[in-house]
Amino acid sequence: MCPSPGGSAPADGVDRRVASAAARCRWPGFPFLRVSVGRWHADRSQWRDRPGVAPEFLGSRSPAILSQACGKLYGVSSLIVTVAGIGADGWPGLSPLSKAAIEQARVLAGSPRQLALVPSHVAGRRVPLPVPLLPGLPGLIEKYAHTALVVLASGDPMFYGIGSTLVRLLGAERIRVLPHPSSVSLAAARIGWALDDVDVVSLVGRPRELLHPVLQPGRRVLALVAEETAAANVLTLLAGRGLGGSPVTLLADLGGADEVVMPADVRPHSRLAILAIECRVDAEPGPESAAGAGAGLLPRVPGLPDDAFEHDGQITKREVRAVALAALAPVPGHLLWDVGAGSGSVGIEWMRVHPASRAVAIEPRAERRIRIARNAAALGVPGLQIVAGAAPEALAGLPGPDAVFIGGGVTTEGVVAACLAALAPGGRLVANAVTLEGEHALAGWHTRLGGTLTRLSIERAGPLGGFTTWRPALPVTQWAVRKTDRATAENQENS
């Protein structure tokens, strides 16, 4: 039992015997102990003798929980969950700080492979992480968070790792992260690539089509993979993009005894791997390459060629699409509604601007929805959400957008009003029309809410016998508006 202080209070208000005893005391079951020491007041009274005065505690980052007289010390289990990164080199590769945290843990949680890397002398109880992880993780944390829990992670826990998931679940103040060099850092070190000039994509549990936006001529890409057939699949994807001659290096089990650094081929490989891709456009694309301008060169700037998309003629043309996206102002993390999506071209190009960009394509026709899904995968944004139905009914229950594009349906009762109502102040709306009735509807909205009204006429050169002439496309009227307080109020009056 730890001693209680006696006698008078010292001049600085801290009883040195209590502080000394606190440093010596340990309680079984509380290896991450924090001790709270009461402060004496200047009038030589303690906090318990002063009704209405809260106690002060020294040397503690936890809330005060003492319920007895100052001088009795109690163990307080840490509410901090420690996340320790561990590499393929296992225990020898850990820092002293990570080793100490793991040795003091009452519970170690990790994958079977990670737990096997911890030597037998570590006494903590070993608990496998739940499968599937996300649904089961809150229960595991709730059960063990008060018992000195250490969660093992591969490499850097905050780089596509469980550390980020735990921060979202518990908050940063309850997470202590002890990183190990990430597999990406090790890969860059092995092949001599500067990380600040490399695109990194995780294909772990994700579609390999996510590679498409970063496959640009002359760029270097590190792709994290977790399938034994990943190298063969990526080589096939590169050939289909007209990048089949790109050098690809397989880096597997980095830091471990079985480390591999070699040119990638179609043979199965370790699941702990990275593919390093140097993008080079084939001089003469093979028969498997994409057709037209899509072969090799698919820039992320809005305005892809029309033939980069499958469509039945229902597509916002390249030049009009570029103008529309400029007005929609894609911002990383923002959500777009593509209403009357057709081929999905506007939503797809919105998402290609940045990996964090999100979009929902609303389309009533089933065959077009299938086509949208194929376009999204082929152009590197398989996460595009596709909603069946027609606006405004299909908009109900969707997450609120930051921007809305209406490619069709501006004359349908309630569509524009519903889209404006869903936008938060500052949100952007762009609507296109090609008919007189559509132009009339947009002109009315422009009169009420302002914004810009633009008429776009596109002509392309084409053959006429043995000569060349201009062939005009249908002119498009485009209304663009940013939702302001005025637009909000007037839309409520009109709805």
Protein backbone atom coordinates (compact mmCIF):
# COMPACT_ATOMS: atom_id res chain seq x y z
CA MET A 1 0.00 0.00 0.00
CA CYS A 2 1.37 3.38 -0.89
CA PRO A 3 1.92 5.82 2.00
CA SER A 4 -0.22 8.82 2.79
CA PRO A 5 1.36 12.17 3.64
CA GLY A 6 1.36 13.61 7.09
CA GLY A 7 2.46 16.82 8.74
CA SER A 8 2.33 20.26 7.34
CA ALA A 9 2.35 21.33 3.73
CA PRO A 10 5.66 22.42 2.20
CA ALA A 11 6.14 25.91 0.85
CA ASP A 12 5.58 25.00 -2.82
CA GLY A 13 2.38 23.11 -2.04
CA VAL A 14 3.60 19.65 -3.13
CA ASP A 15 4.33 16.94 -0.58
CA ARG A 16 7.64 15.43 -1.68
CA ARG A 17 6.96 12.16 0.14
CA VAL A 18 3.83 11.65 -1.94
CA ALA A 19 5.65 12.44 -5.16
CA SER A 20 8.48 10.08 -4.22
CA ALA A 21 6.07 7.32 -3.30
CA ALA A 22 4.19 7.84 -6.52
CA ALA A 23 7.36 7.27 -8.49
CA ARG A 24 7.95 3.94 -6.67
CA CYS A 25 4.40 2.59 -6.68
CA ARG A 26 3.15 0.06 -9.23
CA TRP A 27 -0.23 -1.61 -9.32
CA PRO A 28 -0.74 -5.05 -10.90
CA GLY A 29 -2.78 -4.79 -14.05
CA PHE A 30 -1.95 -1.13 -14.74
CA PRO A 31 1.39 -1.07 -16.57
CA PHE A 32 0.61 2.28 -18.19
CA LEU A 33 0.17 3.97 -14.80
CA ARG A 34 -0.35 7.67 -14.33
CA VAL A 35 -0.30 8.98 -10.77
CA SER A 36 -2.21 12.04 -9.59
CA VAL A 37 -0.78 14.02 -6.66
CA GLY A 38 -2.95 16.50 -4.74
CA ARG A 39 -1.80 20.06 -4.18
CA TRP A 40 -2.00 21.77 -0.81
CA HIS A 41 -3.41 25.30 -0.72
CA ALA A 42 -1.62 28.34 0.63
CA ASP A 43 -3.75 28.35 3.82
CA ARG A 44 -2.44 24.83 4.58
CA SER A 45 -5.83 23.22 3.87
CA GLN A 46 -6.42 20.43 1.35
CA TRP A 47 -8.99 20.45 -1.41
CA ARG A 48 -11.27 18.10 0.55
CA ASP A 49 -11.50 20.75 3.30
CA ARG A 50 -12.66 23.45 0.88
CA PRO A 51 -16.27 22.80 -0.24
CA GLY A 52 -16.94 23.84 -3.82
CA VAL A 53 -13.25 23.96 -4.72
CA ALA A 54 -12.16 21.40 -7.31
CA PRO A 55 -8.88 19.55 -6.68
CA GLU A 56 -5.78 20.23 -8.76
CA PHE A 57 -3.62 17.35 -9.94
CA LEU A 58 -0.01 17.44 -11.02
CA GLY A 59 1.58 15.31 -13.70
CA SER A 60 -1.64 13.92 -15.14
CA ARG A 61 -3.17 14.27 -18.60
CA SER A 62 -6.22 12.23 -17.57
CA PRO A 63 -9.32 13.75 -15.93
CA ALA A 64 -9.16 13.85 -12.11
CA ILE A 65 -10.89 10.76 -10.75
CA LEU A 66 -9.71 10.59 -7.09
CA SER A 67 -12.64 10.30 -4.72
CA GLN A 68 -10.71 10.01 -1.46
CA ALA A 69 -8.59 12.34 0.65
CA CYS A 70 -5.46 13.73 -0.92
CA GLY A 71 -2.52 11.48 -0.30
CA LYS A 72 -4.11 8.13 -1.18
CA LEU A 73 -2.88 7.04 -4.60
CA TYR A 74 -4.82 4.96 -7.06
CA GLY A 75 -3.76 3.28 -10.34
CA VAL A 76 -5.44 4.61 -13.47
CA SER A 77 -5.46 2.41 -16.59
CA SER A 78 -4.53 4.31 -19.74
CA LEU A 79 -7.35 5.11 -22.17
CA ILE A 80 -4.78 5.54 -24.93
CA VAL A 81 -4.64 2.85 -27.62
CA THR A 82 -1.10 2.40 -28.92
CA VAL A 83 -0.64 1.49 -32.59
CA ALA A 84 2.79 0.09 -33.35
CA GLY A 85 4.05 -0.41 -36.89
CA ILE A 86 6.03 -3.58 -37.59
CA GLY A 87 7.76 -4.57 -40.80
CA ALA A 88 8.72 -7.82 -42.49
CA ASP A 89 11.99 -7.67 -40.49
CA GLY A 90 9.93 -8.28 -37.36
CA TRP A 91 11.17 -7.73 -33.81
CA PRO A 92 14.81 -6.86 -34.67
CA GLY A 93 13.65 -3.97 -36.86
CA LEU A 94 11.58 -2.25 -34.16
CA SER A 95 12.72 0.84 -32.31
CA PRO A 96 13.34 0.61 -28.53
CA LEU A 97 10.18 2.65 -27.94
CA SER A 98 8.03 0.25 -29.97
CA LYS A 99 9.58 -2.77 -28.25
CA ALA A 100 8.89 -1.29 -24.83
CA ALA A 101 5.25 -0.55 -25.68
CA ILE A 102 4.69 -4.09 -26.98
CA GLU A 103 6.41 -5.68 -23.97
CA GLN A 104 4.22 -3.70 -21.54
CA ALA A 105 0.97 -4.44 -23.36
CA ARG A 106 -1.68 -6.48 -21.59
CA VAL A 107 -3.34 -7.20 -24.97
CA LEU A 108 -1.74 -7.35 -28.43
CA ALA A 109 -4.12 -7.17 -31.40
CA GLY A 110 -2.99 -7.82 -34.96
CA SER A 111 -3.18 -10.14 -37.93
CA PRO A 112 -1.89 -13.69 -37.41
CA ARG A 113 1.21 -12.80 -39.46
CA GLN A 114 1.95 -9.72 -37.36
CA LEU A 115 1.38 -11.52 -34.06
CA ALA A 116 3.76 -14.28 -35.16
CA LEU A 117 6.54 -11.68 -35.51
CA VAL A 118 6.41 -10.91 -31.78
CA PRO A 119 8.78 -13.15 -29.74
CA SER A 120 7.46 -15.58 -27.15
CA HIS A 121 8.89 -13.68 -24.17
CA VAL A 122 6.30 -10.93 -24.68
CA ALA A 123 3.59 -11.82 -22.19
CA GLY A 124 0.61 -9.83 -23.50
CA ARG A 125 -2.51 -11.71 -24.55
CA ARG A 126 -2.63 -12.07 -28.35
CA VAL A 127 -5.93 -11.32 -30.03
CA PRO A 128 -6.46 -11.58 -33.82
CA LEU A 129 -8.05 -8.57 -35.47
CA PRO A 130 -11.67 -9.24 -36.50
CA VAL A 131 -12.56 -10.31 -40.03
CA PRO A 132 -14.12 -8.32 -41.60
CA LEU A 133 -12.21 -5.57 -39.84
CA LEU A 134 -14.45 -2.50 -39.88
CA PRO A 135 -17.63 -4.05 -38.42
CA GLY A 136 -15.74 -5.87 -35.66
CA LEU A 137 -13.17 -3.26 -34.69
CA PRO A 138 -15.40 -1.10 -32.41
CA GLY A 139 -16.28 -4.16 -30.30
CA LEU A 140 -12.64 -5.18 -29.91
CA ILE A 141 -11.63 -1.67 -28.84
CA GLU A 142 -14.50 -1.42 -26.37
CA LYS A 143 -13.51 -4.75 -24.81
CA TYR A 144 -9.78 -4.13 -24.43
CA ALA A 145 -9.15 -0.36 -24.54
CA HIS A 146 -8.90 -0.16 -20.73
CA THR A 147 -6.29 -2.90 -20.47
CA ALA A 148 -3.15 -1.43 -22.06
CA LEU A 149 -4.03 -2.35 -25.65
CA VAL A 150 -1.42 -2.29 -28.43
CA VAL A 151 -2.57 -2.77 -32.02
CA LEU A 152 0.02 -4.00 -34.51
CA ALA A 153 0.08 -2.52 -38.02
CA SER A 154 2.12 -3.16 -41.14
CA GLY A 155 4.76 -0.45 -41.59
CA ASP A 156 3.46 3.05 -41.03
CA PRO A 157 0.00 2.76 -39.39
CA MET A 158 -1.06 6.15 -40.78
CA PHE A 159 -0.30 5.26 -44.42
CA TYR A 160 -3.29 3.29 -45.74
CA GLY A 161 -3.19 1.57 -42.35
CA ILE A 162 -5.29 0.77 -39.31
CA GLY A 163 -3.99 3.85 -37.51
CA SER A 164 -6.13 6.11 -39.69
CA THR A 165 -9.17 3.89 -39.05
CA LEU A 166 -8.65 4.07 -35.28
CA VAL A 167 -8.29 7.86 -35.37
CA ARG A 168 -11.64 8.11 -37.16
CA LEU A 169 -13.15 5.73 -34.60
CA LEU A 170 -11.71 7.12 -31.36
CA GLY A 171 -10.25 10.54 -32.15
CA ALA A 172 -6.58 11.51 -32.39
CA GLU A 173 -6.34 12.30 -28.67
CA ARG A 174 -6.84 8.61 -27.80
CA ILE A 175 -4.35 7.18 -30.28
CA ARG A 176 -0.60 6.91 -29.82
CA VAL A 177 1.17 5.97 -33.06
CA LEU A 178 4.64 4.42 -33.20
CA PRO A 179 5.43 4.23 -36.94
CA HIS A 180 7.79 1.90 -38.74
CA PRO A 181 9.15 2.76 -42.22
CA SER A 182 6.35 2.19 -44.72
CA SER A 183 6.66 -0.26 -47.58
CA VAL A 184 6.58 2.73 -49.93
CA SER A 185 9.59 4.29 -48.18
CA LEU A 186 11.47 1.00 -48.42
CA ALA A 187 10.55 0.58 -52.10
CA ALA A 188 11.73 4.09 -52.98
CA ALA A 189 14.98 3.42 -51.14
CA ARG A 190 15.57 0.15 -53.00
CA ILE A 191 15.10 1.57 -56.51
CA GLY A 192 16.30 5.13 -55.91
CA TRP A 193 13.07 7.02 -56.60
CA ALA A 194 12.33 10.35 -54.96
CA LEU A 195 9.04 9.97 -53.09
CA ASP A 196 8.10 13.61 -53.71
CA ASP A 197 7.97 12.84 -57.44
CA VAL A 198 6.02 9.57 -57.34
CA ASP A 199 2.29 8.81 -57.47
CA VAL A 200 1.18 6.22 -54.91
CA VAL A 201 -1.98 4.14 -55.33
CA SER A 202 -3.27 1.43 -53.01
CA LEU A 203 -4.88 -1.51 -54.79
CA VAL A 204 -5.25 -3.46 -51.54
CA GLY A 205 -8.88 -4.53 -51.55
CA ARG A 206 -9.58 -1.99 -54.31
CA PRO A 207 -10.14 -2.20 -58.09
CA ARG A 208 -6.97 -2.08 -60.16
CA GLU A 209 -8.72 0.41 -62.47
CA LEU A 210 -7.81 3.07 -59.89
CA LEU A 211 -4.44 3.12 -61.65
CA HIS A 212 -5.82 4.74 -64.81
CA PRO A 213 -5.75 8.42 -63.73
CA VAL A 214 -2.08 8.25 -62.61
CA LEU A 215 -0.84 6.36 -65.67
CA GLN A 216 0.56 9.35 -67.50
CA PRO A 217 3.56 9.37 -69.87
CA GLY A 218 6.84 9.87 -68.04
CA ARG A 219 5.34 9.46 -64.55
CA ARG A 220 6.45 6.97 -61.92
CA VAL A 221 3.86 5.04 -59.92
CA LEU A 222 4.10 2.84 -56.83
CA ALA A 223 1.12 0.51 -56.55
CA LEU A 224 0.47 -1.31 -53.28
CA VAL A 225 -0.97 -4.77 -53.95
CA ALA A 226 -2.14 -7.76 -51.92
CA GLU A 227 -2.90 -10.43 -54.52
CA GLU A 228 -0.55 -13.09 -55.83
CA THR A 229 -1.74 -12.34 -59.38
CA ALA A 230 -1.44 -8.54 -59.07
CA ALA A 231 1.63 -8.23 -61.31
CA ALA A 232 -0.03 -10.19 -64.13
CA ASN A 233 -3.22 -8.15 -63.81
CA VAL A 234 -1.39 -4.81 -63.87
CA LEU A 235 0.71 -5.83 -66.87
CA THR A 236 -2.49 -6.67 -68.74
CA LEU A 237 -4.01 -3.32 -67.78
CA LEU A 238 -0.92 -1.46 -69.01
CA ALA A 239 -1.02 -3.25 -72.35
CA GLY A 240 -4.68 -2.28 -72.74
CA ARG A 241 -3.80 1.38 -72.20
CA GLY A 242 -1.02 1.42 -74.80
CA LEU A 243 1.61 1.35 -72.03
CA GLY A 244 2.68 -2.27 -72.42
CA GLY A 245 6.36 -1.35 -72.80
CA SER A 246 6.51 0.35 -69.39
CA PRO A 247 9.18 -1.15 -67.10
CA VAL A 248 7.55 -2.68 -64.00
CA THR A 249 9.53 -3.77 -60.94
CA LEU A 250 8.19 -6.19 -58.32
CA LEU A 251 9.27 -5.44 -54.74
CA ALA A 252 8.08 -8.02 -52.24
CA ASP A 253 8.62 -8.74 -48.51
CA LEU A 254 10.75 -5.62 -48.17
CA GLY A 255 13.02 -5.67 -45.15
CA GLY A 256 12.54 -9.38 -44.55
CA ALA A 257 14.74 -12.39 -45.18
CA ASP A 258 12.76 -13.23 -48.34
CA GLU A 259 12.94 -9.77 -49.89
CA VAL A 260 12.53 -9.71 -53.68
CA VAL A 261 13.38 -6.88 -56.10
CA MET A 262 13.04 -8.01 -59.72
CA PRO A 263 11.33 -7.22 -63.03
CA ALA A 264 7.64 -8.10 -62.79
CA ASP A 265 6.21 -10.94 -64.87
CA VAL A 266 3.01 -12.98 -64.89
CA ARG A 267 4.12 -15.49 -62.24
CA PRO A 268 2.43 -15.48 -58.81
CA HIS A 269 4.29 -13.57 -56.10
CA SER A 270 4.09 -12.70 -52.41
CA ARG A 271 0.98 -10.87 -51.23
CA LEU A 272 3.19 -8.28 -49.45
CA ALA A 273 4.29 -6.48 -52.58
CA ILE A 274 4.62 -3.18 -54.41
CA LEU A 275 4.73 -2.67 -58.17
CA ALA A 276 6.94 0.18 -59.38
CA ILE A 277 5.79 1.41 -62.81
CA GLU A 278 7.67 3.75 -65.15
CA CYS A 279 4.99 4.89 -67.61
CA ARG A 280 6.04 4.79 -71.25
CA VAL A 281 3.63 5.06 -74.18
CA ASP A 282 4.06 2.35 -76.80
CA ALA A 283 5.32 3.70 -80.14
CA GLU A 284 2.83 1.45 -81.92
CA PRO A 285 -0.02 0.37 -79.63
CA GLY A 286 -0.80 -3.32 -79.94
CA PRO A 287 -4.17 -4.84 -80.82
CA GLU A 288 -5.20 -4.90 -77.11
CA SER A 289 -4.66 -1.15 -76.67
CA ALA A 290 -7.50 1.31 -76.29
CA ALA A 291 -8.64 2.92 -79.49
CA GLY A 292 -8.28 6.51 -80.55
CA ALA A 293 -6.98 9.30 -78.38
CA GLY A 294 -7.56 7.20 -75.27
CA ALA A 295 -4.50 5.04 -75.98
CA GLY A 296 -1.77 5.94 -73.52
CA LEU A 297 -2.72 9.60 -73.07
CA LEU A 298 -5.75 10.30 -70.87
CA PRO A 299 -5.00 13.58 -69.05
CA ARG A 300 -6.82 14.52 -65.85
CA VAL A 301 -7.73 17.96 -67.17
CA PRO A 302 -11.48 17.97 -68.02
CA GLY A 303 -12.29 17.64 -71.70
CA LEU A 304 -11.46 14.06 -72.69
CA PRO A 305 -12.26 13.14 -76.29
CA ASP A 306 -15.81 11.91 -76.82
CA ASP A 307 -14.50 8.57 -78.06
CA ALA A 308 -12.87 7.94 -74.67
CA PHE A 309 -16.43 7.10 -73.51
CA GLU A 310 -18.92 4.48 -74.62
CA HIS A 311 -22.12 6.32 -75.50
CA ASP A 312 -25.28 6.15 -77.60
CA GLY A 313 -25.07 9.78 -78.65
CA GLN A 314 -26.33 10.98 -75.26
CA ILE A 315 -23.10 12.63 -74.12
CA THR A 316 -22.10 16.15 -73.18
CA LYS A 317 -19.68 17.00 -75.96
CA ARG A 318 -16.02 17.56 -75.17
CA GLU A 319 -15.89 21.36 -75.46
CA VAL A 320 -19.20 21.90 -73.65
CA ARG A 321 -18.14 19.45 -70.95
CA ALA A 322 -14.91 21.34 -70.33
CA VAL A 323 -16.80 24.63 -69.95
CA ALA A 324 -19.34 23.01 -67.62
CA LEU A 325 -16.67 21.50 -65.37
CA ALA A 326 -14.82 24.81 -65.20
CA ALA A 327 -18.02 26.40 -63.85
CA LEU A 328 -18.65 23.49 -61.48
CA ALA A 329 -15.18 24.08 -60.00
CA PRO A 330 -14.12 20.57 -58.87
CA VAL A 331 -12.64 20.67 -55.36
CA PRO A 332 -11.02 17.61 -53.72
CA GLY A 333 -13.48 15.94 -51.39
CA HIS A 334 -16.56 17.66 -52.82
CA LEU A 335 -19.60 15.73 -54.06
CA LEU A 336 -21.24 16.23 -57.48
CA TRP A 337 -24.70 15.19 -58.59
CA ASP A 338 -24.73 14.38 -62.33
CA VAL A 339 -28.46 14.52 -63.04
CA GLY A 340 -29.52 12.81 -66.27
CA ALA A 341 -26.03 11.34 -66.56
CA GLY A 342 -26.31 9.73 -70.03
CA SER A 343 -22.79 8.32 -70.52
CA GLY A 344 -21.60 9.60 -67.12
CA SER A 345 -18.96 11.80 -68.72
CA VAL A 346 -19.34 14.84 -66.44
CA GLY A 347 -19.34 12.84 -63.19
CA ILE A 348 -16.40 10.74 -64.38
CA GLU A 349 -14.30 13.75 -65.32
CA TRP A 350 -15.18 15.44 -62.00
CA MET A 351 -13.82 12.40 -60.12
CA ARG A 352 -10.68 12.15 -62.25
CA VAL A 353 -9.52 15.59 -61.08
CA HIS A 354 -8.56 14.25 -57.63
CA PRO A 355 -8.80 10.86 -55.84
CA ALA A 356 -10.89 12.43 -53.05
CA SER A 357 -13.54 13.79 -55.45
CA ARG A 358 -16.94 12.05 -55.31
CA ALA A 359 -19.88 11.92 -57.69
CA VAL A 360 -23.36 10.41 -58.02
CA ALA A 361 -24.74 9.69 -61.50
CA ILE A 362 -28.56 9.71 -61.65
CA GLU A 363 -29.87 7.93 -64.77
CA PRO A 364 -33.32 6.36 -65.43
CA ARG A 365 -32.35 4.02 -68.31
CA ALA A 366 -30.86 0.65 -67.37
CA GLU A 367 -28.68 0.24 -70.49
CA ARG A 368 -27.13 3.65 -69.90
CA ARG A 369 -26.41 2.82 -66.24
CA ILE A 370 -24.51 -0.29 -67.38
CA ARG A 371 -22.58 1.83 -69.85
CA ILE A 372 -21.78 4.42 -67.17
CA ALA A 373 -20.33 1.69 -64.95
CA ARG A 374 -18.08 0.48 -67.77
CA ASN A 375 -16.92 4.01 -68.53
CA ALA A 376 -16.18 4.71 -64.87
CA ALA A 377 -14.04 1.58 -64.54
CA ALA A 378 -12.20 2.13 -67.83
CA LEU A 379 -11.33 5.71 -66.90
CA GLY A 380 -10.17 5.00 -63.37
CA VAL A 381 -13.09 6.01 -61.14
CA PRO A 382 -14.90 2.75 -60.30
CA GLY A 383 -16.20 4.39 -57.12
CA LEU A 384 -18.72 6.50 -59.05
CA GLN A 385 -22.13 5.93 -57.44
CA ILE A 386 -24.89 5.16 -59.95
CA VAL A 387 -28.51 5.75 -58.94
CA ALA A 388 -31.45 4.37 -60.91
CA GLY A 389 -34.37 6.71 -61.47
CA ALA A 390 -35.36 10.11 -62.74
CA ALA A 391 -35.12 13.44 -60.97
CA PRO A 392 -36.58 14.85 -58.83
CA GLU A 393 -37.87 11.63 -57.22
CA ALA A 394 -34.50 9.85 -57.46
CA LEU A 395 -32.76 12.67 -55.56
CA ALA A 396 -34.52 11.88 -52.29
CA GLY A 397 -32.19 10.51 -49.63
CA LEU A 398 -28.96 11.26 -51.49
CA PRO A 399 -26.15 12.96 -49.56
CA GLY A 400 -26.17 16.74 -50.04
CA PRO A 401 -24.08 17.87 -53.02
CA ASP A 402 -21.46 20.60 -53.27
CA ALA A 403 -22.17 20.94 -56.99
CA VAL A 404 -24.90 19.81 -59.41
CA PHE A 405 -24.83 19.30 -63.16
CA ILE A 406 -28.16 18.93 -64.97
CA GLY A 407 -27.50 17.51 -68.39
CA GLY A 408 -31.13 16.79 -69.16
CA GLY A 409 -34.49 17.45 -67.59
CA VAL A 410 -34.42 21.22 -67.02
CA THR A 411 -38.02 21.40 -68.28
CA THR A 412 -39.24 18.70 -65.90
CA GLU A 413 -41.26 20.18 -63.06
CA GLY A 414 -39.31 20.40 -59.81
CA VAL A 415 -35.88 19.24 -61.03
CA VAL A 416 -34.00 22.55 -60.87
CA ALA A 417 -35.78 23.60 -57.68
CA ALA A 418 -34.92 20.30 -55.95
CA CYS A 419 -31.27 20.57 -56.95
CA LEU A 420 -31.03 24.16 -55.72
CA ALA A 421 -32.70 23.22 -52.45
CA ALA A 422 -30.19 20.42 -51.85
CA LEU A 423 -27.17 22.67 -52.39
CA ALA A 424 -25.57 24.31 -49.36
CA PRO A 425 -24.80 28.06 -49.60
CA GLY A 426 -21.80 28.45 -51.88
CA GLY A 427 -22.68 25.36 -53.90
CA ARG A 428 -22.50 25.46 -57.70
CA LEU A 429 -25.15 24.48 -60.24
CA VAL A 430 -24.69 24.17 -64.00
CA ALA A 431 -27.57 23.24 -66.33
CA ASN A 432 -27.54 22.66 -70.08
CA ALA A 433 -30.36 22.94 -72.63
CA VAL A 434 -30.53 22.37 -76.39
CA THR A 435 -34.25 23.04 -77.01
CA LEU A 436 -36.18 26.31 -77.09
CA GLU A 437 -38.26 25.09 -74.16
CA GLY A 438 -35.12 24.33 -72.17
CA GLU A 439 -33.63 27.72 -73.05
CA HIS A 440 -36.81 29.42 -71.87
CA ALA A 441 -36.68 27.58 -68.54
CA LEU A 442 -33.04 28.49 -67.96
CA ALA A 443 -33.66 32.11 -68.91
CA GLY A 444 -36.38 32.26 -66.25
CA TRP A 445 -34.07 30.91 -63.56
CA HIS A 446 -31.37 33.34 -64.67
CA THR A 447 -33.81 36.25 -64.32
CA ARG A 448 -34.75 35.18 -60.77
CA LEU A 449 -31.41 34.09 -59.36
CA GLY A 450 -28.71 35.60 -61.55
CA GLY A 451 -25.58 33.71 -62.47
CA THR A 452 -24.31 33.48 -66.03
CA LEU A 453 -26.23 32.46 -69.16
CA THR A 454 -24.00 31.34 -72.04
CA ARG A 455 -24.74 30.03 -75.51
CA LEU A 456 -22.10 27.67 -76.88
CA SER A 457 -21.86 26.95 -80.60
CA ILE A 458 -19.32 24.37 -81.75
CA GLU A 459 -18.36 23.68 -85.36
CA ARG A 460 -16.00 20.97 -86.49
CA ALA A 461 -14.36 20.58 -89.86
CA GLY A 462 -15.55 17.60 -91.91
CA PRO A 463 -15.39 16.31 -95.49
CA LEU A 464 -17.72 17.57 -98.20
CA GLY A 465 -16.98 15.62 -101.35
CA GLY A 466 -13.35 16.29 -102.11
CA PHE A 467 -13.31 19.38 -99.89
CA THR A 468 -13.61 20.27 -96.21
CA THR A 469 -16.37 22.30 -94.60
CA TRP A 470 -17.67 23.28 -91.16
CA ARG A 471 -20.33 21.07 -89.60
CA PRO A 472 -22.07 22.77 -86.69
CA ALA A 473 -23.27 20.87 -83.64
CA LEU A 474 -26.49 21.82 -81.90
CA PRO A 475 -25.94 25.01 -79.89
CA VAL A 476 -26.08 24.57 -76.11
CA THR A 477 -27.42 27.12 -73.64
CA GLN A 478 -25.68 26.84 -70.29
CA TRP A 479 -26.78 28.44 -67.02
CA ALA A 480 -24.27 28.53 -64.17
CA VAL A 481 -25.04 29.88 -60.72
CA ARG A 482 -23.48 29.83 -57.28
CA LYS A 483 -25.99 29.46 -54.48
CA THR A 484 -26.10 32.57 -52.31
CA ASP A 485 -28.39 33.69 -49.51
CA ARG A 486 -30.51 35.49 -52.13
CA ALA A 487 -30.73 32.37 -54.27
CA THR A 488 -31.68 30.32 -51.22
CA ALA A 489 -34.47 32.66 -50.18
CA GLU A 490 -35.95 33.11 -53.66
CA ASN A 491 -35.81 29.38 -54.38
CA GLN A 492 -37.77 28.70 -51.18
CA GLU A 493 -40.41 31.20 -52.27
CA ASN A 494 -40.71 29.59 -55.71
CA SER A 495 -40.74 25.97 -54.50
